[in-house]
Amino acid sequence: MIRHILLIAFKSFVEPSQIAEVRQLFEAIPEKVPGVLTVEWGVNDSPENLNRGYTHSVLMTFADEQGRQTYLPHAEHDALKRVFTPLLQDIVVFDYLI
């Protein structure tokens, strides 16, 4: 399995309703893209104040490398990016095998 982590900093003008739409798009991915097992959405609540402006996270689990390779060029991923990318201030993407 592969874990795919996104740390997200949204632009200052982004409305809560826009963030909710992005969340819904991410959470629908496992039903639409073969090989994507799970998606978890999180909002930073650490009291340490070390998040460097990243306020949200996404943790996706791919079944295997084929799942990741199916997701990356998939039409559902492209549709998500069309909504998501204009709202981003910054993002960190980190993948690892489990």
PDB file of N, CA and C in Angstrom:
ATOM      1  N   MET A   1       0.836  -1.188   0.000  1.00  0.00           N
ATOM      2  CA  MET A   1       0.000   0.000   0.000  1.00  0.00           C
ATOM      3  C   MET A   1       0.875   1.243   0.000  1.00  0.00           C
ATOM      4  N   ILE A   2       0.298   2.322  -0.469  1.00  0.00           N
ATOM      5  CA  ILE A   2       0.996   3.606  -0.521  1.00  0.00           C
ATOM      6  C   ILE A   2       0.138   4.646   0.192  1.00  0.00           C
ATOM      7  N   ARG A   3       0.761   5.413   1.055  1.00  0.00           N
ATOM      8  CA  ARG A   3       0.091   6.545   1.692  1.00  0.00           C
ATOM      9  C   ARG A   3       0.501   7.808   0.942  1.00  0.00           C
ATOM     10  N   HIS A   4      -0.466   8.661   0.721  1.00  0.00           N
ATOM     11  CA  HIS A   4      -0.308   9.906  -0.034  1.00  0.00           C
ATOM     12  C   HIS A   4      -0.807  11.021   0.883  1.00  0.00           C
ATOM     13  N   ILE A   5       0.100  11.842   1.366  1.00  0.00           N
ATOM     14  CA  ILE A   5      -0.236  12.891   2.328  1.00  0.00           C
ATOM     15  C   ILE A   5      -0.155  14.253   1.653  1.00  0.00           C
ATOM     16  N   LEU A   6      -1.172  15.061   1.859  1.00  0.00           N
ATOM     17  CA  LEU A   6      -1.172  16.452   1.415  1.00  0.00           C
ATOM     18  C   LEU A   6      -1.293  17.342   2.639  1.00  0.00           C
ATOM     19  N   LEU A   7      -0.416  18.312   2.743  1.00  0.00           N
ATOM     20  CA  LEU A   7      -0.551  19.383   3.730  1.00  0.00           C
ATOM     21  C   LEU A   7      -0.925  20.619   2.947  1.00  0.00           C
ATOM     22  N   ILE A   8      -2.006  21.272   3.348  1.00  0.00           N
ATOM     23  CA  ILE A   8      -2.636  22.296   2.528  1.00  0.00           C
ATOM     24  C   ILE A   8      -2.680  23.634   3.256  1.00  0.00           C
ATOM     25  N   ALA A   9      -2.285  24.694   2.550  1.00  0.00           N
ATOM     26  CA  ALA A   9      -2.479  26.076   2.994  1.00  0.00           C
ATOM     27  C   ALA A   9      -3.361  26.746   1.952  1.00  0.00           C
ATOM     28  N   PHE A  10      -4.545  27.148   2.351  1.00  0.00           N
ATOM     29  CA  PHE A  10      -5.458  27.822   1.432  1.00  0.00           C
ATOM     30  C   PHE A  10      -5.159  29.316   1.383  1.00  0.00           C
ATOM     31  N   LYS A  11      -5.488  29.944   0.271  1.00  0.00           N
ATOM     32  CA  LYS A  11      -5.361  31.397   0.144  1.00  0.00           C
ATOM     33  C   LYS A  11      -6.309  32.072   1.128  1.00  0.00           C
ATOM     34  N   SER A  12      -5.996  33.287   1.505  1.00  0.00           N
ATOM     35  CA  SER A  12      -6.751  33.986   2.557  1.00  0.00           C
ATOM     36  C   SER A  12      -8.194  34.273   2.178  1.00  0.00           C
ATOM     37  N   PHE A  13      -8.512  34.379   0.890  1.00  0.00           N
ATOM     38  CA  PHE A  13      -9.869  34.704   0.466  1.00  0.00           C
ATOM     39  C   PHE A  13     -10.807  33.500   0.397  1.00  0.00           C
ATOM     40  N   VAL A  14     -10.286  32.304   0.598  1.00  0.00           N
ATOM     41  CA  VAL A  14     -11.085  31.097   0.418  1.00  0.00           C
ATOM     42  C   VAL A  14     -12.159  31.003   1.497  1.00  0.00           C
ATOM     43  N   GLU A  15     -13.388  30.774   1.043  1.00  0.00           N
ATOM     44  CA  GLU A  15     -14.550  30.685   1.929  1.00  0.00           C
ATOM     45  C   GLU A  15     -14.708  29.261   2.473  1.00  0.00           C
ATOM     46  N   PRO A  16     -15.293  29.117   3.664  1.00  0.00           N
ATOM     47  CA  PRO A  16     -15.542  27.775   4.206  1.00  0.00           C
ATOM     48  C   PRO A  16     -16.336  26.881   3.250  1.00  0.00           C
ATOM     49  N   SER A  17     -17.252  27.455   2.498  1.00  0.00           N
ATOM     50  CA  SER A  17     -18.035  26.647   1.552  1.00  0.00           C
ATOM     51  C   SER A  17     -17.147  26.080   0.443  1.00  0.00           C
ATOM     52  N   GLN A  18     -16.123  26.811   0.036  1.00  0.00           N
ATOM     53  CA  GLN A  18     -15.201  26.314  -0.983  1.00  0.00           C
ATOM     54  C   GLN A  18     -14.360  25.169  -0.427  1.00  0.00           C
ATOM     55  N   ILE A  19     -13.936  25.301   0.819  1.00  0.00           N
ATOM     56  CA  ILE A  19     -13.173  24.224   1.463  1.00  0.00           C
ATOM     57  C   ILE A  19     -14.051  22.990   1.606  1.00  0.00           C
ATOM     58  N   ALA A  20     -15.308  23.179   1.953  1.00  0.00           N
ATOM     59  CA  ALA A  20     -16.239  22.048   2.071  1.00  0.00           C
ATOM     60  C   ALA A  20     -16.411  21.341   0.730  1.00  0.00           C
ATOM     61  N   GLU A  21     -16.451  22.093  -0.349  1.00  0.00           N
ATOM     62  CA  GLU A  21     -16.563  21.487  -1.678  1.00  0.00           C
ATOM     63  C   GLU A  21     -15.334  20.647  -2.004  1.00  0.00           C
ATOM     64  N   VAL A  22     -14.151  21.173  -1.686  1.00  0.00           N
ATOM     65  CA  VAL A  22     -12.909  20.424  -1.918  1.00  0.00           C
ATOM     66  C   VAL A  22     -12.927  19.137  -1.101  1.00  0.00           C
ATOM     67  N   ARG A  23     -13.344  19.235   0.140  1.00  0.00           N
ATOM     68  CA  ARG A  23     -13.420  18.041   0.986  1.00  0.00           C
ATOM     69  C   ARG A  23     -14.341  16.996   0.371  1.00  0.00           C
ATOM     70  N   GLN A  24     -15.494  17.405  -0.087  1.00  0.00           N
ATOM     71  CA  GLN A  24     -16.441  16.463  -0.699  1.00  0.00           C
ATOM     72  C   GLN A  24     -15.846  15.790  -1.929  1.00  0.00           C
ATOM     73  N   LEU A  25     -15.134  16.563  -2.736  1.00  0.00           N
ATOM     74  CA  LEU A  25     -14.502  15.992  -3.921  1.00  0.00           C
ATOM     75  C   LEU A  25     -13.464  14.942  -3.544  1.00  0.00           C
ATOM     76  N   PHE A  26     -12.639  15.256  -2.548  1.00  0.00           N
ATOM     77  CA  PHE A  26     -11.636  14.281  -2.099  1.00  0.00           C
ATOM     78  C   PHE A  26     -12.306  13.032  -1.547  1.00  0.00           C
ATOM     79  N   GLU A  27     -13.304  13.213  -0.704  1.00  0.00           N
ATOM     80  CA  GLU A  27     -13.925  12.065  -0.040  1.00  0.00           C
ATOM     81  C   GLU A  27     -14.689  11.167  -1.012  1.00  0.00           C
ATOM     82  N   ALA A  28     -15.039  11.667  -2.184  1.00  0.00           N
ATOM     83  CA  ALA A  28     -15.731  10.866  -3.191  1.00  0.00           C
ATOM     84  C   ALA A  28     -14.777  10.033  -4.045  1.00  0.00           C
ATOM     85  N   ILE A  29     -13.507  10.321  -3.991  1.00  0.00           N
ATOM     86  CA  ILE A  29     -12.531   9.661  -4.867  1.00  0.00           C
ATOM     87  C   ILE A  29     -12.514   8.135  -4.730  1.00  0.00           C
ATOM     88  N   PRO A  30     -12.536   7.560  -3.522  1.00  0.00           N
ATOM     89  CA  PRO A  30     -12.472   6.089  -3.448  1.00  0.00           C
ATOM     90  C   PRO A  30     -13.612   5.386  -4.195  1.00  0.00           C
ATOM     91  N   GLU A  31     -14.757   6.027  -4.306  1.00  0.00           N
ATOM     92  CA  GLU A  31     -15.885   5.433  -5.018  1.00  0.00           C
ATOM     93  C   GLU A  31     -15.738   5.560  -6.538  1.00  0.00           C
ATOM     94  N   LYS A  32     -14.857   6.448  -6.974  1.00  0.00           N
ATOM     95  CA  LYS A  32     -14.763   6.763  -8.399  1.00  0.00           C
ATOM     96  C   LYS A  32     -13.472   6.310  -9.065  1.00  0.00           C
ATOM     97  N   VAL A  33     -12.435   6.058  -8.264  1.00  0.00           N
ATOM     98  CA  VAL A  33     -11.127   5.724  -8.841  1.00  0.00           C
ATOM     99  C   VAL A  33     -10.657   4.376  -8.283  1.00  0.00           C
ATOM    100  N   PRO A  34     -10.548   3.380  -9.141  1.00  0.00           N
ATOM    101  CA  PRO A  34     -10.054   2.078  -8.685  1.00  0.00           C
ATOM    102  C   PRO A  34      -8.650   2.195  -8.096  1.00  0.00           C
ATOM    103  N   GLY A  35      -8.434   1.504  -6.998  1.00  0.00           N
ATOM    104  CA  GLY A  35      -7.114   1.496  -6.374  1.00  0.00           C
ATOM    105  C   GLY A  35      -6.939   2.518  -5.274  1.00  0.00           C
ATOM    106  N   VAL A  36      -7.882   3.457  -5.133  1.00  0.00           N
ATOM    107  CA  VAL A  36      -7.860   4.391  -4.006  1.00  0.00           C
ATOM    108  C   VAL A  36      -8.733   3.767  -2.929  1.00  0.00           C
ATOM    109  N   LEU A  37      -8.107   3.369  -1.824  1.00  0.00           N
ATOM    110  CA  LEU A  37      -8.829   2.652  -0.779  1.00  0.00           C
ATOM    111  C   LEU A  37      -9.548   3.578   0.186  1.00  0.00           C
ATOM    112  N   THR A  38      -8.848   4.610   0.649  1.00  0.00           N
ATOM    113  CA  THR A  38      -9.431   5.514   1.644  1.00  0.00           C
ATOM    114  C   THR A  38      -8.939   6.935   1.428  1.00  0.00           C
ATOM    115  N   VAL A  39      -9.748   7.877   1.932  1.00  0.00           N
ATOM    116  CA  VAL A  39      -9.364   9.282   2.006  1.00  0.00           C
ATOM    117  C   VAL A  39      -9.791   9.792   3.369  1.00  0.00           C
ATOM    118  N   GLU A  40      -8.861  10.421   4.073  1.00  0.00           N
ATOM    119  CA  GLU A  40      -9.158  11.073   5.350  1.00  0.00           C
ATOM    120  C   GLU A  40      -8.866  12.554   5.210  1.00  0.00           C
ATOM    121  N   TRP A  41      -9.744  13.378   5.738  1.00  0.00           N
ATOM    122  CA  TRP A  41      -9.612  14.833   5.714  1.00  0.00           C
ATOM    123  C   TRP A  41      -9.382  15.292   7.142  1.00  0.00           C
ATOM    124  N   GLY A  42      -8.466  16.217   7.361  1.00  0.00           N
ATOM    125  CA  GLY A  42      -8.218  16.712   8.710  1.00  0.00           C
ATOM    126  C   GLY A  42      -7.941  18.201   8.729  1.00  0.00           C
ATOM    127  N   VAL A  43      -8.271  18.811   9.855  1.00  0.00           N
ATOM    128  CA  VAL A  43      -8.002  20.220  10.100  1.00  0.00           C
ATOM    129  C   VAL A  43      -7.018  20.294  11.260  1.00  0.00           C
ATOM    130  N   ASN A  44      -5.969  21.081  11.092  1.00  0.00           N
ATOM    131  CA  ASN A  44      -4.946  21.187  12.126  1.00  0.00           C
ATOM    132  C   ASN A  44      -5.553  21.664  13.450  1.00  0.00           C
ATOM    133  N   ASP A  45      -5.232  20.963  14.518  1.00  0.00           N
ATOM    134  CA  ASP A  45      -5.632  21.420  15.849  1.00  0.00           C
ATOM    135  C   ASP A  45      -4.498  21.272  16.862  1.00  0.00           C
ATOM    136  N   SER A  46      -3.273  21.238  16.338  1.00  0.00           N
ATOM    137  CA  SER A  46      -2.111  21.099  17.217  1.00  0.00           C
ATOM    138  C   SER A  46      -1.912  22.363  18.048  1.00  0.00           C
ATOM    139  N   PRO A  47      -1.689  22.211  19.352  1.00  0.00           N
ATOM    140  CA  PRO A  47      -1.414  23.374  20.194  1.00  0.00           C
ATOM    141  C   PRO A  47       0.031  23.863  20.096  1.00  0.00           C
ATOM    142  N   GLU A  48       0.872  23.158  19.337  1.00  0.00           N
ATOM    143  CA  GLU A  48       2.289  23.506  19.255  1.00  0.00           C
ATOM    144  C   GLU A  48       2.582  24.686  18.349  1.00  0.00           C
ATOM    145  N   ASN A  49       1.643  25.059  17.483  1.00  0.00           N
ATOM    146  CA  ASN A  49       1.824  26.190  16.564  1.00  0.00           C
ATOM    147  C   ASN A  49       3.050  26.009  15.660  1.00  0.00           C
ATOM    148  N   LEU A  50       3.221  24.801  15.143  1.00  0.00           N
ATOM    149  CA  LEU A  50       4.344  24.496  14.255  1.00  0.00           C
ATOM    150  C   LEU A  50       3.877  24.128  12.843  1.00  0.00           C
ATOM    151  N   ASN A  51       2.649  24.451  12.495  1.00  0.00           N
ATOM    152  CA  ASN A  51       2.081  24.030  11.221  1.00  0.00           C
ATOM    153  C   ASN A  51       2.489  24.899  10.036  1.00  0.00           C
ATOM    154  N   ARG A  52       3.166  26.018  10.281  1.00  0.00           N
ATOM    155  CA  ARG A  52       3.719  26.881   9.230  1.00  0.00           C
ATOM    156  C   ARG A  52       2.685  27.318   8.198  1.00  0.00           C
ATOM    157  N   GLY A  53       1.464  27.543   8.647  1.00  0.00           N
ATOM    158  CA  GLY A  53       0.417  28.033   7.765  1.00  0.00           C
ATOM    159  C   GLY A  53      -0.403  26.956   7.083  1.00  0.00           C
ATOM    160  N   TYR A  54      -0.014  25.709   7.243  1.00  0.00           N
ATOM    161  CA  TYR A  54      -0.790  24.601   6.682  1.00  0.00           C
ATOM    162  C   TYR A  54      -1.937  24.306   7.640  1.00  0.00           C
ATOM    163  N   THR A  55      -3.152  24.400   7.125  1.00  0.00           N
ATOM    164  CA  THR A  55      -4.329  24.306   7.987  1.00  0.00           C
ATOM    165  C   THR A  55      -5.108  23.012   7.816  1.00  0.00           C
ATOM    166  N   HIS A  56      -4.943  22.341   6.683  1.00  0.00           N
ATOM    167  CA  HIS A  56      -5.717  21.146   6.377  1.00  0.00           C
ATOM    168  C   HIS A  56      -4.790  20.041   5.861  1.00  0.00           C
ATOM    169  N   SER A  57      -5.297  18.816   5.961  1.00  0.00           N
ATOM    170  CA  SER A  57      -4.531  17.686   5.429  1.00  0.00           C
ATOM    171  C   SER A  57      -5.473  16.693   4.765  1.00  0.00           C
ATOM    172  N   VAL A  58      -4.896  15.932   3.848  1.00  0.00           N
ATOM    173  CA  VAL A  58      -5.573  14.806   3.230  1.00  0.00           C
ATOM    174  C   VAL A  58      -4.613  13.630   3.319  1.00  0.00           C
ATOM    175  N   LEU A  59      -5.153  12.491   3.749  1.00  0.00           N
ATOM    176  CA  LEU A  59      -4.381  11.251   3.791  1.00  0.00           C
ATOM    177  C   LEU A  59      -5.123  10.238   2.931  1.00  0.00           C
ATOM    178  N   MET A  60      -4.506   9.877   1.818  1.00  0.00           N
ATOM    179  CA  MET A  60      -5.091   8.888   0.910  1.00  0.00           C
ATOM    180  C   MET A  60      -4.281   7.608   1.011  1.00  0.00           C
ATOM    181  N   THR A  61      -4.970   6.486   0.838  1.00  0.00           N
ATOM    182  CA  THR A  61      -4.286   5.199   0.788  1.00  0.00           C
ATOM    183  C   THR A  61      -4.589   4.555  -0.556  1.00  0.00           C
ATOM    184  N   PHE A  62      -3.516   4.241  -1.280  1.00  0.00           N
ATOM    185  CA  PHE A  62      -3.612   3.519  -2.540  1.00  0.00           C
ATOM    186  C   PHE A  62      -3.332   2.046  -2.270  1.00  0.00           C
ATOM    187  N   ALA A  63      -4.024   1.176  -2.986  1.00  0.00           N
ATOM    188  CA  ALA A  63      -3.811  -0.261  -2.811  1.00  0.00           C
ATOM    189  C   ALA A  63      -2.377  -0.650  -3.147  1.00  0.00           C
ATOM    190  N   ASP A  64      -1.827  -0.007  -4.184  1.00  0.00           N
ATOM    191  CA  ASP A  64      -0.502  -0.348  -4.667  1.00  0.00           C
ATOM    192  C   ASP A  64      -0.053   0.724  -5.669  1.00  0.00           C
ATOM    193  N   GLU A  65       1.074   0.486  -6.299  1.00  0.00           N
ATOM    194  CA  GLU A  65       1.588   1.444  -7.276  1.00  0.00           C
ATOM    195  C   GLU A  65       0.608   1.636  -8.437  1.00  0.00           C
ATOM    196  N   GLN A  66      -0.043   0.573  -8.850  1.00  0.00           N
ATOM    197  CA  GLN A  66      -1.017   0.686  -9.935  1.00  0.00           C
ATOM    198  C   GLN A  66      -2.166   1.613  -9.535  1.00  0.00           C
ATOM    199  N   GLY A  67      -2.587   1.559  -8.284  1.00  0.00           N
ATOM    200  CA  GLY A  67      -3.628   2.465  -7.808  1.00  0.00           C
ATOM    201  C   GLY A  67      -3.199   3.919  -7.908  1.00  0.00           C
ATOM    202  N   ARG A  68      -1.967   4.197  -7.519  1.00  0.00           N
ATOM    203  CA  ARG A  68      -1.458   5.566  -7.624  1.00  0.00           C
ATOM    204  C   ARG A  68      -1.378   6.001  -9.078  1.00  0.00           C
ATOM    205  N   GLN A  69      -0.885   5.104  -9.942  1.00  0.00           N
ATOM    206  CA  GLN A  69      -0.753   5.439 -11.355  1.00  0.00           C
ATOM    207  C   GLN A  69      -2.114   5.582 -12.047  1.00  0.00           C
ATOM    208  N   THR A  70      -3.121   4.920 -11.528  1.00  0.00           N
ATOM    209  CA  THR A  70      -4.481   5.101 -12.049  1.00  0.00           C
ATOM    210  C   THR A  70      -5.030   6.459 -11.625  1.00  0.00           C
ATOM    211  N   TYR A  71      -4.801   6.833 -10.372  1.00  0.00           N
ATOM    212  CA  TYR A  71      -5.340   8.079  -9.812  1.00  0.00           C
ATOM    213  C   TYR A  71      -4.743   9.332 -10.461  1.00  0.00           C
ATOM    214  N   LEU A  72      -3.441   9.371 -10.609  1.00  0.00           N
ATOM    215  CA  LEU A  72      -2.774  10.616 -11.022  1.00  0.00           C
ATOM    216  C   LEU A  72      -3.309  11.189 -12.333  1.00  0.00           C
ATOM    217  N   PRO A  73      -3.509  10.412 -13.393  1.00  0.00           N
ATOM    218  CA  PRO A  73      -4.047  10.990 -14.632  1.00  0.00           C
ATOM    219  C   PRO A  73      -5.573  10.855 -14.767  1.00  0.00           C
ATOM    220  N   HIS A  74      -6.233  10.353 -13.738  1.00  0.00           N
ATOM    221  CA  HIS A  74      -7.671  10.049 -13.818  1.00  0.00           C
ATOM    222  C   HIS A  74      -8.504  11.331 -13.982  1.00  0.00           C
ATOM    223  N   ALA A  75      -9.592  11.238 -14.715  1.00  0.00           N
ATOM    224  CA  ALA A  75     -10.472  12.386 -14.952  1.00  0.00           C
ATOM    225  C   ALA A  75     -11.033  12.963 -13.651  1.00  0.00           C
ATOM    226  N   GLU A  76     -11.288  12.129 -12.661  1.00  0.00           N
ATOM    227  CA  GLU A  76     -11.802  12.623 -11.365  1.00  0.00           C
ATOM    228  C   GLU A  76     -10.736  13.435 -10.632  1.00  0.00           C
ATOM    229  N   HIS A  77      -9.476  13.020 -10.753  1.00  0.00           N
ATOM    230  CA  HIS A  77      -8.378  13.791 -10.156  1.00  0.00           C
ATOM    231  C   HIS A  77      -8.244  15.130 -10.869  1.00  0.00           C
ATOM    232  N   ASP A  78      -8.363  15.124 -12.190  1.00  0.00           N
ATOM    233  CA  ASP A  78      -8.300  16.376 -12.952  1.00  0.00           C
ATOM    234  C   ASP A  78      -9.444  17.315 -12.569  1.00  0.00           C
ATOM    235  N   ALA A  79     -10.640  16.776 -12.382  1.00  0.00           N
ATOM    236  CA  ALA A  79     -11.787  17.598 -11.981  1.00  0.00           C
ATOM    237  C   ALA A  79     -11.568  18.199 -10.596  1.00  0.00           C
ATOM    238  N   LEU A  80     -11.017  17.411  -9.681  1.00  0.00           N
ATOM    239  CA  LEU A  80     -10.700  17.908  -8.345  1.00  0.00           C
ATOM    240  C   LEU A  80      -9.675  19.038  -8.422  1.00  0.00           C
ATOM    241  N   LYS A  81      -8.638  18.849  -9.221  1.00  0.00           N
ATOM    242  CA  LYS A  81      -7.589  19.866  -9.342  1.00  0.00           C
ATOM    243  C   LYS A  81      -8.118  21.179  -9.917  1.00  0.00           C
ATOM    244  N   ARG A  82      -9.083  21.106 -10.825  1.00  0.00           N
ATOM    245  CA  ARG A  82      -9.647  22.343 -11.386  1.00  0.00           C
ATOM    246  C   ARG A  82     -10.317  23.198 -10.312  1.00  0.00           C
ATOM    247  N   VAL A  83     -10.912  22.577  -9.331  1.00  0.00           N
ATOM    248  CA  VAL A  83     -11.546  23.298  -8.226  1.00  0.00           C
ATOM    249  C   VAL A  83     -10.516  23.671  -7.163  1.00  0.00           C
ATOM    250  N   PHE A  84      -9.631  22.755  -6.857  1.00  0.00           N
ATOM    251  CA  PHE A  84      -8.708  22.849  -5.722  1.00  0.00           C
ATOM    252  C   PHE A  84      -7.523  23.788  -5.964  1.00  0.00           C
ATOM    253  N   THR A  85      -6.877  23.660  -7.119  1.00  0.00           N
ATOM    254  CA  THR A  85      -5.632  24.390  -7.379  1.00  0.00           C
ATOM    255  C   THR A  85      -5.764  25.910  -7.260  1.00  0.00           C
ATOM    256  N   PRO A  86      -6.822  26.539  -7.775  1.00  0.00           N
ATOM    257  CA  PRO A  86      -6.919  28.004  -7.644  1.00  0.00           C
ATOM    258  C   PRO A  86      -7.060  28.494  -6.204  1.00  0.00           C
ATOM    259  N   LEU A  87      -7.397  27.590  -5.280  1.00  0.00           N
ATOM    260  CA  LEU A  87      -7.597  27.964  -3.880  1.00  0.00           C
ATOM    261  C   LEU A  87      -6.327  27.820  -3.040  1.00  0.00           C
ATOM    262  N   LEU A  88      -5.299  27.209  -3.616  1.00  0.00           N
ATOM    263  CA  LEU A  88      -4.084  26.877  -2.855  1.00  0.00           C
ATOM    264  C   LEU A  88      -3.125  28.051  -2.717  1.00  0.00           C
ATOM    265  N   GLN A  89      -2.692  28.260  -1.506  1.00  0.00           N
ATOM    266  CA  GLN A  89      -1.546  29.131  -1.243  1.00  0.00           C
ATOM    267  C   GLN A  89      -0.268  28.305  -1.373  1.00  0.00           C
ATOM    268  N   ASP A  90      -0.313  27.095  -0.787  1.00  0.00           N
ATOM    269  CA  ASP A  90       0.847  26.205  -0.831  1.00  0.00           C
ATOM    270  C   ASP A  90       0.370  24.784  -0.522  1.00  0.00           C
ATOM    271  N   ILE A  91       1.180  23.819  -0.926  1.00  0.00           N
ATOM    272  CA  ILE A  91       0.864  22.416  -0.662  1.00  0.00           C
ATOM    273  C   ILE A  91       2.161  21.632  -0.547  1.00  0.00           C
ATOM    274  N   VAL A  92       2.143  20.638   0.327  1.00  0.00           N
ATOM    275  CA  VAL A  92       3.221  19.666   0.432  1.00  0.00           C
ATOM    276  C   VAL A  92       2.596  18.309   0.114  1.00  0.00           C
ATOM    277  N   VAL A  93       3.246  17.567  -0.790  1.00  0.00           N
ATOM    278  CA  VAL A  93       2.792  16.219  -1.145  1.00  0.00           C
ATOM    279  C   VAL A  93       3.904  15.255  -0.755  1.00  0.00           C
ATOM    280  N   PHE A  94       3.525  14.209  -0.019  1.00  0.00           N
ATOM    281  CA  PHE A  94       4.506  13.258   0.490  1.00  0.00           C
ATOM    282  C   PHE A  94       3.900  11.870   0.402  1.00  0.00           C
ATOM    283  N   ASP A  95       4.550  10.964  -0.284  1.00  0.00           N
ATOM    284  CA  ASP A  95       4.090   9.578  -0.427  1.00  0.00           C
ATOM    285  C   ASP A  95       5.093   8.640   0.223  1.00  0.00           C
ATOM    286  N   TYR A  96       4.569   7.533   0.776  1.00  0.00           N
ATOM    287  CA  TYR A  96       5.449   6.497   1.299  1.00  0.00           C
ATOM    288  C   TYR A  96       4.761   5.138   1.232  1.00  0.00           C
ATOM    289  N   LEU A  97       5.575   4.108   1.132  1.00  0.00           N
ATOM    290  CA  LEU A  97       5.089   2.715   1.118  1.00  0.00           C
ATOM    291  C   LEU A  97       4.827   2.236   2.532  1.00  0.00           C
ATOM    292  N   ILE A  98       3.757   1.439   2.687  1.00  0.00           N
ATOM    293  CA  ILE A  98       3.530   0.802   3.979  1.00  0.00           C
ATOM    294  C   ILE A  98       3.412  -0.695   3.784  1.00  0.00           C
TER     295      ILE A  98
END
